Amino acid sequence: MRIANFVTIIGLAWAMSAYAAWVRHEREKRFDLRGDTTKQLPLVRLQEAKTLWHRPHTIFVDVRSAAEFRQGHIAGRFVVA
């Protein structure tokens, strides 16, 4: 029984490792991080942002620096600093 558990754990670890490598490969294909990545980001216009803001499951993420965040921010936001 212990050998079967060991083989199962090794198999799961291999599968998770293979999946992580595949995800990383696909992400690099989707977003070329060597160049200007701002061209690949979706642009949300003000009216669309206002519409999204009123939806209950929308999350806004503030990615500005901590200093910019302290200068002012939107209520109900998350900050990544």
C-alpha atoms as a PDB file:
ATOM      1  CA  MET A   1       0.000   0.000   0.000  1.00  0.00           C
ATOM      2  CA  ARG A   2       2.813   2.421   0.787  1.00  0.00           C
ATOM      3  CA  ILE A   3       4.440   1.897  -2.612  1.00  0.00           C
ATOM      4  CA  ALA A   4       1.122   2.627  -4.321  1.00  0.00           C
ATOM      5  CA  ASN A   5       0.797   5.879  -2.359  1.00  0.00           C
ATOM      6  CA  PHE A   6       4.363   6.826  -3.212  1.00  0.00           C
ATOM      7  CA  VAL A   7       3.780   6.175  -6.921  1.00  0.00           C
ATOM      8  CA  THR A   8       0.553   8.183  -6.777  1.00  0.00           C
ATOM      9  CA  ILE A   9       2.307  11.134  -5.138  1.00  0.00           C
ATOM     10  CA  ILE A  10       5.158  11.036  -7.667  1.00  0.00           C
ATOM     11  CA  GLY A  11       2.645  10.850 -10.525  1.00  0.00           C
ATOM     12  CA  LEU A  12       0.669  13.810  -9.207  1.00  0.00           C
ATOM     13  CA  ALA A  13       3.847  15.843  -8.669  1.00  0.00           C
ATOM     14  CA  TRP A  14       4.952  15.100 -12.231  1.00  0.00           C
ATOM     15  CA  ALA A  15       1.534  16.050 -13.624  1.00  0.00           C
ATOM     16  CA  MET A  16       1.463  19.322 -11.678  1.00  0.00           C
ATOM     17  CA  SER A  17       5.001  20.136 -12.801  1.00  0.00           C
ATOM     18  CA  ALA A  18       4.115  19.448 -16.430  1.00  0.00           C
ATOM     19  CA  TYR A  19       0.999  21.602 -16.144  1.00  0.00           C
ATOM     20  CA  ALA A  20       2.964  24.480 -14.588  1.00  0.00           C
ATOM     21  CA  ALA A  21       5.526  24.309 -17.401  1.00  0.00           C
ATOM     22  CA  TRP A  22       2.745  24.316 -20.006  1.00  0.00           C
ATOM     23  CA  VAL A  23       1.012  27.314 -18.373  1.00  0.00           C
ATOM     24  CA  ARG A  24       4.274  29.247 -18.294  1.00  0.00           C
ATOM     25  CA  HIS A  25       4.921  28.435 -21.952  1.00  0.00           C
ATOM     26  CA  GLU A  26       1.416  29.537 -22.976  1.00  0.00           C
ATOM     27  CA  ARG A  27       1.661  32.743 -20.927  1.00  0.00           C
ATOM     28  CA  GLU A  28       4.956  33.653 -22.581  1.00  0.00           C
ATOM     29  CA  LYS A  29       3.380  33.108 -26.001  1.00  0.00           C
ATOM     30  CA  ARG A  30       0.432  35.295 -25.064  1.00  0.00           C
ATOM     31  CA  PHE A  31       2.411  38.098 -23.436  1.00  0.00           C
ATOM     32  CA  ASP A  32       5.840  38.766 -24.862  1.00  0.00           C
ATOM     33  CA  LEU A  33       7.521  40.168 -21.760  1.00  0.00           C
ATOM     34  CA  ARG A  34      10.658  41.224 -23.618  1.00  0.00           C
ATOM     35  CA  GLY A  35       9.073  44.225 -25.314  1.00  0.00           C
ATOM     36  CA  ASP A  36       6.500  46.894 -24.558  1.00  0.00           C
ATOM     37  CA  THR A  37       3.682  45.043 -22.816  1.00  0.00           C
ATOM     38  CA  THR A  38       1.331  48.017 -22.543  1.00  0.00           C
ATOM     39  CA  LYS A  39       0.185  47.469 -26.133  1.00  0.00           C
ATOM     40  CA  GLN A  40      -1.172  44.044 -25.132  1.00  0.00           C
ATOM     41  CA  LEU A  41      -3.234  45.223 -22.153  1.00  0.00           C
ATOM     42  CA  PRO A  42      -6.954  45.727 -22.725  1.00  0.00           C
ATOM     43  CA  LEU A  43      -8.077  49.335 -22.514  1.00  0.00           C
ATOM     44  CA  VAL A  44     -11.184  50.047 -20.460  1.00  0.00           C
ATOM     45  CA  ARG A  45     -12.918  53.288 -21.310  1.00  0.00           C
ATOM     46  CA  LEU A  46     -14.465  55.459 -18.589  1.00  0.00           C
ATOM     47  CA  GLN A  47     -18.070  54.563 -19.413  1.00  0.00           C
ATOM     48  CA  GLU A  48     -17.262  50.842 -19.396  1.00  0.00           C
ATOM     49  CA  ALA A  49     -15.446  51.238 -16.057  1.00  0.00           C
ATOM     50  CA  LYS A  50     -18.474  53.004 -14.570  1.00  0.00           C
ATOM     51  CA  THR A  51     -20.752  50.216 -15.764  1.00  0.00           C
ATOM     52  CA  LEU A  52     -18.422  47.561 -14.340  1.00  0.00           C
ATOM     53  CA  TRP A  53     -18.141  49.446 -11.042  1.00  0.00           C
ATOM     54  CA  HIS A  54     -21.852  48.980 -10.373  1.00  0.00           C
ATOM     55  CA  ARG A  55     -21.772  45.225 -10.961  1.00  0.00           C
ATOM     56  CA  PRO A  56     -21.557  43.292  -7.675  1.00  0.00           C
ATOM     57  CA  HIS A  57     -18.710  40.925  -8.640  1.00  0.00           C
ATOM     58  CA  THR A  58     -16.363  43.424 -10.287  1.00  0.00           C
ATOM     59  CA  ILE A  59     -12.965  43.888  -8.654  1.00  0.00           C
ATOM     60  CA  PHE A  60     -10.770  46.897  -9.333  1.00  0.00           C
ATOM     61  CA  VAL A  61      -7.061  46.400  -8.639  1.00  0.00           C
ATOM     62  CA  ASP A  62      -4.894  49.452  -7.941  1.00  0.00           C
ATOM     63  CA  VAL A  63      -1.379  48.769  -9.232  1.00  0.00           C
ATOM     64  CA  ARG A  64       0.072  52.197  -8.592  1.00  0.00           C
ATOM     65  CA  SER A  65       2.953  52.781  -6.201  1.00  0.00           C
ATOM     66  CA  ALA A  66       2.295  53.126  -2.472  1.00  0.00           C
ATOM     67  CA  ALA A  67       3.011  56.870  -2.670  1.00  0.00           C
ATOM     68  CA  GLU A  68       0.442  57.348  -5.436  1.00  0.00           C
ATOM     69  CA  PHE A  69      -2.046  55.269  -3.476  1.00  0.00           C
ATOM     70  CA  ARG A  70      -1.631  57.482  -0.402  1.00  0.00           C
ATOM     71  CA  GLN A  71      -2.404  60.540  -2.529  1.00  0.00           C
ATOM     72  CA  GLY A  72      -5.878  59.191  -3.210  1.00  0.00           C
ATOM     73  CA  HIS A  73      -7.731  56.080  -4.227  1.00  0.00           C
ATOM     74  CA  ILE A  74     -11.184  54.733  -5.028  1.00  0.00           C
ATOM     75  CA  ALA A  75     -13.169  53.331  -2.119  1.00  0.00           C
ATOM     76  CA  GLY A  76     -13.647  49.562  -2.260  1.00  0.00           C
ATOM     77  CA  ARG A  77     -10.427  48.901  -4.168  1.00  0.00           C
ATOM     78  CA  PHE A  78      -7.564  46.447  -3.726  1.00  0.00           C
ATOM     79  CA  VAL A  79      -3.993  47.685  -3.870  1.00  0.00           C
ATOM     80  CA  VAL A  80      -0.999  45.747  -5.141  1.00  0.00           C
ATOM     81  CA  ALA A  81       2.124  47.323  -3.700  1.00  0.00           C
END
